[in-house]
Amino acid sequence: MKAEPNDRAPAPEPAPDAAPDAGADVLGIEIDCLLEAVFRRWGYDFRDYSRAHVRRRLLHRMELSGMDSVPAMMHRALTDREFFGSLLAVLSINITEMFRDPPFYRALREEIVPRLRTWPFVKIWHAGCSTGEEVYSMAIVLREAGLEGRARIYATDFNPEALRRAKEGIYPLEAIRNYTRNYQAAGGEASFADYYTARYESALIDRTLREHVVFSEHNLVTDGVFGEMHLIFCRNVLIYFNPQLQARALDLFHDSLCPGGILCLGTKESLQFSGHLQAFEQLQPGQKIFRRKLLPGATQDDEP
């Protein structure tokens, strides 16, 4: 009898003496299984992160934990919530500092701040804010520009521990010395010591800088559009995503920006291969600062 078009032919039986594929990346397969298991168990999706980044972080964590295999680490991550928390910290992107890349912050003061003045109220989104250093940097810039009272900063990250530390605003005093140099190189207008209180080996950021900041969880991999923003920061996060996830995040930023709004990316990040290249213009050569083009016939005063 003739098979119907939708019938599947039975899979051929493997030859009894067939050898395993010697070129198979067994470690890569194990890591794929771990990431799938983490997503199904805890809801955190790292499946489209840069595989080189994920592999490097997981192998380092495996070595620190004294484990001898990825499957052993996967079993523990599925059954031990505390261990999963440590794994989450490893996979998170927490490399940041205040006024990181001073030339960018000079461009922020010179190019972006005058544009922010044209709006009666400004909404700013720090996507992937990590432990908050860049959030407080922006708060300082707004204060020195006289814009603090008519701006709201939304600081988001998917890692609840990173958000907790961001809310606390407590950083090692040793790091503050470097932040002071960054601040001065970025065109700071005051003494950086005015913005923190030193206590033993730590520095507590001035609490008044947090009055216009809202911290909340948001995942660039799984969550949707975030309001209608005038300015979005997502610096040095996309480099840890694969091209598909980068495209998703850039779609999200485009749809979360009002026309005329500004997107700031990291030095190694680009709109070049996104579907939105024509929707933005670069504001300053050498800096990854992009302005979403206005709607035809509109002026910036017409936008929210």
Protein backbone atom coordinates (compact mmCIF):
# COMPACT_ATOMS: atom_id res chain seq x y z
CA MET A 1 0.00 0.00 0.00
CA LYS A 2 1.31 3.43 -0.93
CA ALA A 3 2.34 5.61 2.02
CA GLU A 4 0.47 8.87 2.56
CA PRO A 5 2.58 12.01 1.92
CA ASN A 6 2.71 12.87 5.66
CA ASP A 7 3.83 9.42 6.75
CA ARG A 8 7.33 9.35 8.13
CA ALA A 9 9.62 6.60 6.93
CA PRO A 10 11.13 4.60 9.77
CA ALA A 11 14.58 5.78 10.81
CA PRO A 12 17.34 3.45 9.62
CA GLU A 13 18.88 1.23 12.24
CA PRO A 14 22.47 2.24 13.06
CA ALA A 15 25.09 -0.21 11.96
CA PRO A 16 26.08 -2.39 14.94
CA ASP A 17 29.73 -1.54 14.51
CA ALA A 18 29.18 2.22 13.87
CA ALA A 19 31.77 4.28 15.75
CA PRO A 20 30.87 7.51 17.63
CA ASP A 21 31.58 10.75 15.84
CA ALA A 22 35.15 11.44 16.88
CA GLY A 23 34.72 15.12 16.00
CA ALA A 24 31.68 15.69 18.20
CA ASP A 25 32.05 18.50 20.73
CA VAL A 26 30.96 16.49 23.77
CA LEU A 27 31.63 19.37 26.16
CA GLY A 28 29.56 21.67 23.97
CA ILE A 29 26.68 19.20 24.02
CA GLU A 30 26.88 18.94 27.81
CA ILE A 31 26.81 22.74 28.14
CA ASP A 32 23.78 22.91 25.81
CA CYS A 33 22.01 20.41 28.08
CA LEU A 34 22.91 22.40 31.20
CA LEU A 35 21.58 25.66 29.74
CA GLU A 36 18.37 23.97 28.60
CA ALA A 37 17.94 22.42 32.06
CA VAL A 38 18.51 25.77 33.80
CA PHE A 39 15.90 27.40 31.57
CA ARG A 40 13.31 24.70 32.21
CA ARG A 41 13.98 24.51 35.96
CA TRP A 42 14.54 28.17 36.90
CA GLY A 43 13.36 30.21 33.89
CA TYR A 44 16.68 31.95 33.20
CA ASP A 45 17.61 31.69 29.53
CA PHE A 46 21.31 31.68 28.64
CA ARG A 47 20.88 29.52 25.53
CA ASP A 48 21.60 32.42 23.16
CA TYR A 49 24.53 33.89 25.06
CA SER A 50 27.91 33.82 23.37
CA ARG A 51 29.04 30.21 23.69
CA ALA A 52 32.68 31.19 24.27
CA HIS A 53 31.62 33.39 27.21
CA VAL A 54 29.37 30.70 28.70
CA ARG A 55 31.95 27.92 28.31
CA ARG A 56 34.71 29.98 29.91
CA ARG A 57 32.55 30.98 32.88
CA LEU A 58 31.14 27.50 33.49
CA LEU A 59 34.51 25.75 33.34
CA HIS A 60 35.92 28.27 35.79
CA ARG A 61 33.00 27.68 38.16
CA MET A 62 33.37 23.93 37.80
CA GLU A 63 37.03 24.16 38.76
CA LEU A 64 36.27 26.33 41.81
CA SER A 65 33.54 23.90 42.91
CA GLY A 66 35.84 20.88 42.67
CA MET A 67 33.50 19.15 40.24
CA ASP A 68 34.79 16.82 37.56
CA SER A 69 32.11 17.23 34.90
CA VAL A 70 29.40 19.52 33.51
CA PRO A 71 26.68 16.87 34.13
CA ALA A 72 27.62 16.86 37.84
CA MET A 73 27.32 20.65 37.90
CA MET A 74 23.99 20.45 36.08
CA HIS A 75 22.58 18.02 38.64
CA ARG A 76 23.57 20.29 41.49
CA ALA A 77 22.22 23.39 39.73
CA LEU A 78 18.84 21.69 39.36
CA THR A 79 18.58 20.49 42.95
CA ASP A 80 20.44 23.08 45.01
CA ARG A 81 18.98 26.60 44.81
CA GLU A 82 21.92 28.16 46.63
CA PHE A 83 24.36 26.63 44.17
CA PHE A 84 22.21 27.80 41.28
CA GLY A 85 22.45 31.33 42.73
CA SER A 86 26.23 31.12 42.53
CA LEU A 87 25.97 29.83 38.95
CA LEU A 88 23.66 32.71 38.08
CA ALA A 89 26.27 35.14 39.38
CA VAL A 90 28.92 33.47 37.23
CA LEU A 91 26.83 33.71 34.05
CA SER A 92 25.74 37.29 34.75
CA ILE A 93 27.69 40.18 33.28
CA ASN A 94 28.96 42.22 36.21
CA ILE A 95 32.05 43.92 34.80
CA THR A 96 31.42 47.62 35.37
CA GLU A 97 32.69 50.75 37.08
CA MET A 98 31.66 54.35 37.61
CA PHE A 99 32.36 56.68 34.67
CA ARG A 100 33.78 53.77 32.73
CA ASP A 101 35.30 55.03 29.48
CA PRO A 102 35.66 58.76 30.35
CA PRO A 103 35.56 59.97 26.70
CA PHE A 104 32.06 58.52 26.45
CA TYR A 105 30.94 60.51 29.49
CA ARG A 106 32.45 63.67 28.05
CA ALA A 107 30.38 63.04 24.92
CA LEU A 108 27.38 62.42 27.16
CA ARG A 109 27.78 65.84 28.75
CA GLU A 110 28.46 67.63 25.46
CA GLU A 111 26.14 65.84 23.04
CA ILE A 112 23.32 64.19 24.98
CA VAL A 113 22.65 66.50 27.95
CA PRO A 114 21.72 69.49 25.72
CA ARG A 115 19.20 67.25 23.92
CA LEU A 116 17.74 66.07 27.23
CA ARG A 117 17.10 69.70 28.17
CA THR A 118 14.61 69.97 25.30
CA TRP A 119 12.17 67.56 27.00
CA PRO A 120 10.06 68.67 29.98
CA PHE A 121 10.57 65.29 31.65
CA VAL A 122 13.18 62.66 30.83
CA LYS A 123 12.95 58.88 31.19
CA ILE A 124 16.22 56.95 31.14
CA TRP A 125 16.65 53.18 31.05
CA HIS A 126 19.84 51.45 32.14
CA ALA A 127 19.31 47.94 30.71
CA GLY A 128 21.54 45.34 32.33
CA CYS A 129 22.57 47.76 35.07
CA SER A 130 24.52 45.10 37.00
CA THR A 131 25.62 46.47 40.40
CA GLY A 132 24.67 50.06 39.61
CA GLU A 133 27.91 51.93 38.99
CA GLU A 134 26.79 53.42 35.67
CA VAL A 135 23.39 54.27 37.11
CA TYR A 136 24.98 56.47 39.78
CA SER A 137 27.33 57.94 37.18
CA MET A 138 24.29 59.08 35.20
CA ALA A 139 22.63 60.43 38.35
CA ILE A 140 25.71 62.55 39.01
CA VAL A 141 25.74 63.89 35.45
CA LEU A 142 22.06 64.81 35.75
CA ARG A 143 22.68 66.60 39.06
CA GLU A 144 25.57 68.61 37.70
CA ALA A 145 23.47 69.51 34.62
CA GLY A 146 20.56 70.68 36.76
CA LEU A 147 18.28 67.97 35.33
CA GLU A 148 17.97 65.70 38.35
CA GLY A 149 14.54 67.00 39.37
CA ARG A 150 12.89 66.30 36.02
CA ALA A 151 14.38 62.92 35.22
CA ARG A 152 13.62 59.35 36.23
CA ILE A 153 16.17 56.54 35.84
CA TYR A 154 14.94 52.97 35.47
CA ALA A 155 17.72 50.54 36.36
CA THR A 156 17.05 46.93 35.43
CA ASP A 157 18.82 43.60 35.54
CA PHE A 158 17.72 39.98 35.60
CA ASN A 159 20.01 39.12 38.51
CA PRO A 160 18.29 39.90 41.86
CA GLU A 161 21.60 39.82 43.76
CA ALA A 162 23.14 42.40 41.43
CA LEU A 163 20.06 44.60 41.86
CA ARG A 164 20.29 44.31 45.64
CA ARG A 165 23.88 45.53 45.55
CA ALA A 166 22.93 48.32 43.15
CA LYS A 167 20.23 49.53 45.55
CA GLU A 168 22.69 49.49 48.45
CA GLY A 169 25.21 51.59 46.54
CA ILE A 170 28.17 50.34 48.59
CA TYR A 171 31.48 49.89 46.78
CA PRO A 172 35.06 49.05 47.86
CA LEU A 173 37.04 52.13 48.82
CA GLU A 174 39.89 50.89 46.65
CA ALA A 175 37.59 51.00 43.61
CA ILE A 176 36.47 54.53 44.50
CA ARG A 177 40.00 55.78 43.86
CA ASN A 178 39.74 54.59 40.27
CA TYR A 179 36.22 55.99 39.97
CA THR A 180 37.53 59.38 41.09
CA ARG A 181 40.10 59.38 38.29
CA ASN A 182 37.40 58.40 35.79
CA TYR A 183 35.10 61.16 37.04
CA GLN A 184 37.78 63.81 36.70
CA ALA A 185 38.75 62.60 33.20
CA ALA A 186 35.06 62.61 32.24
CA GLY A 187 34.74 66.34 32.96
CA GLY A 188 33.37 66.18 36.50
CA GLU A 189 32.43 69.59 37.86
CA ALA A 190 32.74 68.98 41.60
CA SER A 191 34.78 66.94 44.03
CA PHE A 192 33.90 63.27 43.62
CA ALA A 193 34.16 62.93 47.41
CA ASP A 194 30.90 64.93 47.62
CA TYR A 195 29.03 61.92 46.26
CA TYR A 196 29.96 59.28 48.81
CA THR A 197 30.73 58.69 52.46
CA ALA A 198 33.76 56.58 53.38
CA ARG A 199 33.22 53.95 56.07
CA TYR A 200 36.08 51.65 56.95
CA GLU A 201 37.03 49.96 53.64
CA SER A 202 33.81 50.85 51.80
CA ALA A 203 32.14 53.87 50.28
CA LEU A 204 28.40 54.54 50.53
CA ILE A 205 27.00 56.48 47.59
CA ASP A 206 25.04 59.61 48.56
CA ARG A 207 21.49 58.40 49.20
CA THR A 208 19.96 61.46 47.57
CA LEU A 209 21.30 60.21 44.21
CA ARG A 210 18.84 57.31 44.49
CA GLU A 211 15.74 59.46 44.92
CA HIS A 212 15.01 59.48 41.19
CA VAL A 213 16.08 55.89 40.46
CA VAL A 214 13.73 52.90 40.20
CA PHE A 215 15.36 49.47 40.39
CA SER A 216 13.47 46.52 38.96
CA GLU A 217 14.00 43.09 37.40
CA HIS A 218 13.89 42.87 33.62
CA ASN A 219 15.38 40.21 31.36
CA LEU A 220 16.51 41.25 27.90
CA VAL A 221 16.21 37.65 26.74
CA THR A 222 12.58 37.03 27.68
CA ASP A 223 10.86 40.31 28.66
CA GLY A 224 9.19 42.89 26.45
CA VAL A 225 9.20 46.60 25.65
CA PHE A 226 10.11 48.88 28.54
CA GLY A 227 8.08 52.08 28.40
CA GLU A 228 8.78 55.03 26.09
CA MET A 229 12.28 56.13 26.92
CA HIS A 230 14.23 59.21 25.93
CA LEU A 231 17.60 57.62 26.65
CA ILE A 232 18.68 53.97 26.86
CA PHE A 233 22.03 52.72 28.10
CA CYS A 234 23.09 49.16 27.34
CA ARG A 235 26.85 49.28 27.26
CA ASN A 236 29.04 46.18 27.02
CA VAL A 237 26.17 43.71 27.36
CA LEU A 238 25.42 42.80 23.74
CA ILE A 239 28.96 41.50 23.23
CA TYR A 240 27.99 38.52 25.41
CA PHE A 241 24.99 37.64 23.18
CA ASN A 242 24.96 35.65 19.97
CA PRO A 243 23.78 37.50 16.80
CA GLN A 244 20.16 36.35 17.17
CA LEU A 245 19.91 37.58 20.75
CA GLN A 246 21.66 40.84 19.86
CA ALA A 247 19.01 41.41 17.19
CA ARG A 248 16.22 40.74 19.71
CA ALA A 249 17.69 43.21 22.20
CA LEU A 250 18.11 45.91 19.54
CA ASP A 251 14.49 45.36 18.45
CA LEU A 252 13.51 45.88 22.07
CA PHE A 253 15.52 49.09 22.38
CA HIS A 254 14.15 50.49 19.14
CA ASP A 255 10.58 49.84 20.24
CA SER A 256 11.24 51.23 23.74
CA LEU A 257 12.66 54.56 22.49
CA CYS A 258 10.49 57.49 21.56
CA PRO A 259 11.36 59.03 18.16
CA GLY A 260 14.31 61.32 18.76
CA GLY A 261 15.39 59.17 21.70
CA ILE A 262 19.02 58.17 22.18
CA LEU A 263 20.64 54.74 22.44
CA CYS A 264 24.11 54.28 23.98
CA LEU A 265 26.05 51.07 23.31
CA GLY A 266 29.52 49.85 24.29
CA THR A 267 32.66 50.56 22.29
CA LYS A 268 32.67 47.11 20.64
CA GLU A 269 28.93 47.05 19.91
CA SER A 270 27.16 48.21 16.78
CA LEU A 271 23.88 48.55 14.90
CA GLN A 272 25.66 47.51 11.71
CA PHE A 273 23.97 44.14 11.25
CA SER A 274 20.67 44.93 12.95
CA GLY A 275 17.43 45.52 11.13
CA HIS A 276 17.30 49.08 12.51
CA LEU A 277 20.45 50.62 11.07
CA GLN A 278 18.44 53.00 8.88
CA ALA A 279 16.22 54.04 11.79
CA PHE A 280 19.14 55.61 13.71
CA GLU A 281 21.81 58.21 13.13
CA GLN A 282 25.15 58.28 14.92
CA LEU A 283 25.51 61.50 16.86
CA GLN A 284 29.25 61.66 17.40
CA PRO A 285 32.05 59.95 15.46
CA GLY A 286 33.99 57.52 17.60
CA GLN A 287 31.21 57.08 20.16
CA LYS A 288 28.41 54.51 20.01
CA ILE A 289 25.68 57.09 20.58
CA PHE A 290 22.71 56.75 18.27
CA ARG A 291 19.56 58.85 17.87
CA ARG A 292 16.34 57.26 16.72
CA LYS A 293 15.19 59.27 13.74
CA LEU A 294 12.07 61.39 14.06
CA LEU A 295 8.87 60.45 12.31
CA PRO A 296 8.45 62.18 8.93
CA GLY A 297 7.33 65.77 9.40
CA ALA A 298 7.81 65.70 13.18
CA THR A 299 10.06 67.83 15.38
CA GLN A 300 11.51 66.76 18.70
CA ASP A 301 9.03 69.07 20.45
CA ASP A 302 6.24 66.91 19.06
CA GLU A 303 7.54 63.77 20.74
CA PRO A 304 6.74 62.58 24.29
